[in-house]
Amino acid sequence: MDTREKICVGVAAVIVIAGLIPLACMERGMLDLRAKKQELGVLKVKNSKLFKTNKVMAREIFLIKKDPSYLEYVARRELGMVAEGEVVVKFHDRESGYGRWK
């Protein structure tokens, strides 16, 4: 092996060792990398679900601002509001005895 080949082998060895040092210095090397990839996958799924929820909420906000009948629907459904002059009639479940005198 001549001097030039020895230098090339030496440089290649240094490059390989320099590439392996960060892996050796990490706490668990490839195990950490695999765990981070799994965590990234979980976060991507969570982000996707949040994006869909955000779209639904943005649509609902738009409807509440622009559609008075939808605003009324939401007020009745979520707040239990009634229009002026309406009478609320509540029916009780006979099986449970709720609302009955005992």
N, C-alpha and C. Protein backbone atom coordinates (compact mmCIF):
# COMPACT_ATOMS: atom_id res chain seq x y z
N MET A 1 0.85 -1.17 0.00
CA MET A 1 0.00 0.00 0.00
C MET A 1 0.90 1.23 0.00
N ASP A 2 0.70 2.09 -0.96
CA ASP A 2 1.53 3.26 -1.03
C ASP A 2 0.97 4.38 -0.13
N THR A 3 1.67 5.45 -0.05
CA THR A 3 1.34 6.56 0.84
C THR A 3 -0.03 7.16 0.51
N ARG A 4 -0.32 7.28 -0.75
CA ARG A 4 -1.60 7.88 -1.16
C ARG A 4 -2.78 7.02 -0.69
N GLU A 5 -2.68 5.71 -0.81
CA GLU A 5 -3.75 4.81 -0.36
C GLU A 5 -3.90 4.87 1.15
N LYS A 6 -2.78 4.96 1.86
CA LYS A 6 -2.82 5.05 3.33
C LYS A 6 -3.55 6.33 3.77
N ILE A 7 -3.28 7.40 3.06
CA ILE A 7 -3.93 8.67 3.39
C ILE A 7 -5.44 8.58 3.13
N CYS A 8 -5.82 7.99 2.00
CA CYS A 8 -7.26 7.83 1.68
C CYS A 8 -7.97 6.97 2.71
N VAL A 9 -7.33 5.87 3.12
CA VAL A 9 -7.92 4.99 4.14
C VAL A 9 -8.02 5.74 5.46
N GLY A 10 -7.00 6.49 5.80
CA GLY A 10 -7.01 7.26 7.04
C GLY A 10 -8.11 8.31 7.05
N VAL A 11 -8.27 9.03 5.94
CA VAL A 11 -9.33 10.04 5.82
C VAL A 11 -10.70 9.38 5.90
N ALA A 12 -10.89 8.26 5.25
CA ALA A 12 -12.16 7.54 5.30
C ALA A 12 -12.47 7.08 6.72
N ALA A 13 -11.46 6.61 7.42
CA ALA A 13 -11.66 6.17 8.81
C ALA A 13 -12.06 7.35 9.69
N VAL A 14 -11.42 8.48 9.49
CA VAL A 14 -11.75 9.67 10.27
C VAL A 14 -13.20 10.11 9.98
N ILE A 15 -13.60 10.06 8.74
CA ILE A 15 -14.97 10.44 8.36
C ILE A 15 -15.99 9.50 9.01
N VAL A 16 -15.71 8.20 8.96
CA VAL A 16 -16.62 7.22 9.57
C VAL A 16 -16.71 7.44 11.07
N ILE A 17 -15.57 7.61 11.71
CA ILE A 17 -15.57 7.84 13.16
C ILE A 17 -16.29 9.14 13.50
N ALA A 18 -16.07 10.18 12.72
CA ALA A 18 -16.74 11.46 12.96
C ALA A 18 -18.25 11.31 12.80
N GLY A 19 -18.69 10.45 11.91
CA GLY A 19 -20.13 10.21 11.73
C GLY A 19 -20.73 9.40 12.86
N LEU A 20 -19.93 8.54 13.47
CA LEU A 20 -20.43 7.68 14.55
C LEU A 20 -20.37 8.35 15.93
N ILE A 21 -19.56 9.35 16.09
CA ILE A 21 -19.44 10.02 17.39
C ILE A 21 -20.77 10.60 17.87
N PRO A 22 -21.53 11.32 17.04
CA PRO A 22 -22.81 11.84 17.53
C PRO A 22 -23.77 10.73 17.98
N LEU A 23 -23.77 9.61 17.25
CA LEU A 23 -24.64 8.50 17.66
C LEU A 23 -24.20 7.92 19.00
N ALA A 24 -22.89 7.83 19.21
CA ALA A 24 -22.38 7.30 20.46
C ALA A 24 -22.61 8.26 21.61
N CYS A 25 -22.62 9.55 21.32
CA CYS A 25 -22.79 10.55 22.37
C CYS A 25 -24.25 10.71 22.78
N MET A 26 -25.17 10.35 21.90
CA MET A 26 -26.58 10.43 22.27
C MET A 26 -26.85 9.44 23.38
N GLU A 27 -27.88 9.73 24.15
CA GLU A 27 -28.18 8.87 25.29
C GLU A 27 -28.42 7.43 24.86
N ARG A 28 -29.29 7.23 23.89
CA ARG A 28 -29.56 5.88 23.43
C ARG A 28 -29.51 5.78 21.91
N GLY A 29 -29.03 6.78 21.26
CA GLY A 29 -28.81 6.73 19.82
C GLY A 29 -30.05 6.46 18.99
N MET A 30 -30.06 5.33 18.34
CA MET A 30 -31.13 4.99 17.40
C MET A 30 -32.47 4.76 18.11
N LEU A 31 -32.43 4.31 19.36
CA LEU A 31 -33.68 4.13 20.10
C LEU A 31 -34.39 5.47 20.30
N ASP A 32 -33.61 6.50 20.60
CA ASP A 32 -34.20 7.84 20.74
C ASP A 32 -34.78 8.32 19.42
N LEU A 33 -34.08 8.04 18.34
CA LEU A 33 -34.55 8.45 17.03
C LEU A 33 -35.88 7.78 16.70
N ARG A 34 -35.98 6.48 16.97
CA ARG A 34 -37.23 5.74 16.71
C ARG A 34 -38.37 6.29 17.57
N ALA A 35 -38.08 6.57 18.84
CA ALA A 35 -39.11 7.12 19.73
C ALA A 35 -39.58 8.49 19.25
N LYS A 36 -38.65 9.30 18.78
CA LYS A 36 -39.01 10.63 18.29
C LYS A 36 -39.86 10.54 17.02
N LYS A 37 -39.58 9.55 16.17
CA LYS A 37 -40.38 9.37 14.96
C LYS A 37 -41.80 8.94 15.32
N GLN A 38 -41.93 8.06 16.32
CA GLN A 38 -43.27 7.65 16.77
C GLN A 38 -44.01 8.83 17.37
N GLU A 39 -43.32 9.62 18.17
CA GLU A 39 -43.92 10.80 18.78
C GLU A 39 -44.39 11.78 17.70
N LEU A 40 -43.58 11.93 16.66
CA LEU A 40 -43.95 12.81 15.55
C LEU A 40 -45.23 12.31 14.88
N GLY A 41 -45.33 11.00 14.68
CA GLY A 41 -46.53 10.43 14.07
C GLY A 41 -47.77 10.70 14.92
N VAL A 42 -47.65 10.53 16.23
CA VAL A 42 -48.78 10.80 17.14
C VAL A 42 -49.17 12.27 17.06
N LEU A 43 -48.18 13.15 17.06
CA LEU A 43 -48.46 14.58 17.00
C LEU A 43 -49.09 14.99 15.67
N LYS A 44 -48.71 14.32 14.58
CA LYS A 44 -49.32 14.62 13.28
C LYS A 44 -50.80 14.24 13.28
N VAL A 45 -51.12 13.09 13.87
CA VAL A 45 -52.52 12.66 13.96
C VAL A 45 -53.32 13.65 14.81
N LYS A 46 -52.74 14.02 15.95
CA LYS A 46 -53.41 14.98 16.85
C LYS A 46 -53.62 16.32 16.14
N ASN A 47 -52.62 16.76 15.41
CA ASN A 47 -52.70 18.02 14.67
C ASN A 47 -53.80 17.96 13.62
N SER A 48 -53.91 16.83 12.95
CA SER A 48 -54.95 16.66 11.94
C SER A 48 -56.34 16.74 12.56
N LYS A 49 -56.52 16.09 13.71
CA LYS A 49 -57.82 16.15 14.39
C LYS A 49 -58.14 17.58 14.83
N LEU A 50 -57.15 18.28 15.35
CA LEU A 50 -57.37 19.66 15.76
C LEU A 50 -57.70 20.56 14.57
N PHE A 51 -57.07 20.31 13.44
CA PHE A 51 -57.35 21.08 12.24
C PHE A 51 -58.81 20.90 11.82
N LYS A 52 -59.28 19.64 11.84
CA LYS A 52 -60.68 19.37 11.48
C LYS A 52 -61.64 20.04 12.46
N THR A 53 -61.33 19.95 13.75
CA THR A 53 -62.16 20.60 14.77
C THR A 53 -62.19 22.10 14.55
N ASN A 54 -61.05 22.67 14.21
CA ASN A 54 -60.96 24.11 13.96
C ASN A 54 -61.83 24.52 12.77
N LYS A 55 -61.85 23.68 11.71
CA LYS A 55 -62.68 23.99 10.55
C LYS A 55 -64.17 23.98 10.93
N VAL A 56 -64.57 22.98 11.72
CA VAL A 56 -65.97 22.89 12.15
C VAL A 56 -66.35 24.12 12.98
N MET A 57 -65.47 24.50 13.89
CA MET A 57 -65.75 25.66 14.76
C MET A 57 -65.78 26.96 13.95
N ALA A 58 -64.90 27.09 12.98
CA ALA A 58 -64.89 28.29 12.14
C ALA A 58 -66.20 28.39 11.36
N ARG A 59 -66.70 27.26 10.89
CA ARG A 59 -67.98 27.23 10.16
C ARG A 59 -69.13 27.63 11.09
N GLU A 60 -69.09 27.12 12.31
CA GLU A 60 -70.15 27.47 13.27
C GLU A 60 -70.11 28.95 13.63
N ILE A 61 -68.93 29.49 13.80
CA ILE A 61 -68.80 30.93 14.07
C ILE A 61 -69.36 31.74 12.92
N PHE A 62 -69.03 31.34 11.69
CA PHE A 62 -69.55 32.04 10.52
C PHE A 62 -71.08 32.02 10.52
N LEU A 63 -71.66 30.84 10.78
CA LEU A 63 -73.12 30.73 10.77
C LEU A 63 -73.76 31.56 11.89
N ILE A 64 -73.14 31.56 13.05
CA ILE A 64 -73.69 32.35 14.17
C ILE A 64 -73.67 33.84 13.81
N LYS A 65 -72.62 34.29 13.15
CA LYS A 65 -72.51 35.71 12.80
C LYS A 65 -73.45 36.09 11.65
N LYS A 66 -73.66 35.19 10.69
CA LYS A 66 -74.38 35.56 9.47
C LYS A 66 -75.82 35.06 9.38
N ASP A 67 -76.19 34.04 10.15
CA ASP A 67 -77.51 33.41 10.00
C ASP A 67 -78.30 33.52 11.31
N PRO A 68 -79.24 34.45 11.39
CA PRO A 68 -80.01 34.63 12.63
C PRO A 68 -80.78 33.38 13.06
N SER A 69 -81.27 32.60 12.13
CA SER A 69 -82.01 31.39 12.50
C SER A 69 -81.07 30.36 13.14
N TYR A 70 -79.82 30.30 12.68
CA TYR A 70 -78.86 29.38 13.30
C TYR A 70 -78.50 29.87 14.70
N LEU A 71 -78.35 31.17 14.86
CA LEU A 71 -78.08 31.75 16.18
C LEU A 71 -79.20 31.38 17.15
N GLU A 72 -80.44 31.48 16.69
CA GLU A 72 -81.58 31.11 17.52
C GLU A 72 -81.53 29.63 17.88
N TYR A 73 -81.20 28.80 16.90
CA TYR A 73 -81.09 27.36 17.12
C TYR A 73 -80.06 27.05 18.21
N VAL A 74 -78.88 27.68 18.12
CA VAL A 74 -77.82 27.45 19.10
C VAL A 74 -78.23 27.95 20.47
N ALA A 75 -78.90 29.09 20.53
CA ALA A 75 -79.35 29.63 21.81
C ALA A 75 -80.36 28.69 22.47
N ARG A 76 -81.25 28.13 21.70
CA ARG A 76 -82.23 27.18 22.24
C ARG A 76 -81.56 25.89 22.69
N ARG A 77 -80.69 25.35 21.85
CA ARG A 77 -80.06 24.06 22.12
C ARG A 77 -79.07 24.12 23.29
N GLU A 78 -78.19 25.11 23.28
CA GLU A 78 -77.11 25.13 24.27
C GLU A 78 -77.46 25.92 25.53
N LEU A 79 -78.29 26.92 25.41
CA LEU A 79 -78.60 27.75 26.56
C LEU A 79 -80.00 27.53 27.11
N GLY A 80 -80.79 26.74 26.40
CA GLY A 80 -82.15 26.46 26.86
C GLY A 80 -83.06 27.67 26.79
N MET A 81 -82.76 28.60 25.93
CA MET A 81 -83.55 29.82 25.82
C MET A 81 -84.84 29.55 25.05
N VAL A 82 -85.85 30.35 25.33
CA VAL A 82 -87.13 30.26 24.62
C VAL A 82 -87.48 31.66 24.11
N ALA A 83 -88.29 31.68 23.06
CA ALA A 83 -88.70 32.96 22.50
C ALA A 83 -89.78 33.58 23.37
N GLU A 84 -89.92 34.87 23.25
CA GLU A 84 -90.93 35.59 24.03
C GLU A 84 -92.31 35.06 23.67
N GLY A 85 -93.11 34.78 24.69
CA GLY A 85 -94.47 34.29 24.48
C GLY A 85 -94.57 32.77 24.39
N GLU A 86 -93.46 32.06 24.33
CA GLU A 86 -93.51 30.61 24.29
C GLU A 86 -93.73 30.04 25.69
N VAL A 87 -94.33 28.88 25.76
CA VAL A 87 -94.56 28.19 27.02
C VAL A 87 -93.74 26.90 26.99
N VAL A 88 -93.02 26.66 28.08
CA VAL A 88 -92.20 25.46 28.18
C VAL A 88 -92.98 24.40 28.94
N VAL A 89 -93.10 23.22 28.35
CA VAL A 89 -93.79 22.11 28.99
C VAL A 89 -92.77 20.99 29.15
N LYS A 90 -92.58 20.51 30.40
CA LYS A 90 -91.63 19.44 30.66
C LYS A 90 -92.40 18.18 31.01
N PHE A 91 -91.99 17.07 30.40
CA PHE A 91 -92.59 15.78 30.68
C PHE A 91 -91.59 14.96 31.48
N HIS A 92 -92.11 14.24 32.47
CA HIS A 92 -91.25 13.43 33.32
C HIS A 92 -91.40 11.96 32.98
N ASP A 93 -90.36 11.23 33.19
CA ASP A 93 -90.33 9.80 32.91
C ASP A 93 -91.08 9.04 34.00
N ARG A 94 -92.09 8.28 33.64
CA ARG A 94 -92.90 7.54 34.63
C ARG A 94 -92.12 6.38 35.24
N GLU A 95 -91.24 5.73 34.45
CA GLU A 95 -90.50 4.57 34.96
C GLU A 95 -89.55 4.98 36.09
N SER A 96 -88.88 6.08 35.95
CA SER A 96 -87.91 6.47 36.96
C SER A 96 -88.57 7.12 38.17
N GLY A 97 -89.81 7.54 38.00
CA GLY A 97 -90.48 8.21 39.12
C GLY A 97 -90.04 9.65 39.29
N TYR A 98 -89.25 10.13 38.37
CA TYR A 98 -88.77 11.50 38.46
C TYR A 98 -89.95 12.47 38.37
N GLY A 99 -90.04 13.36 39.30
CA GLY A 99 -91.09 14.37 39.28
C GLY A 99 -92.39 13.90 39.91
N ARG A 100 -92.44 12.70 40.44
CA ARG A 100 -93.67 12.19 41.05
C ARG A 100 -93.56 12.30 42.56
N TRP A 101 -94.68 12.49 43.16
CA TRP A 101 -94.71 12.53 44.63
C TRP A 101 -94.68 11.09 45.15
N LYS A 102 -93.94 10.90 46.19
CA LYS A 102 -93.84 9.55 46.76
C LYS A 102 -94.37 9.54 48.17
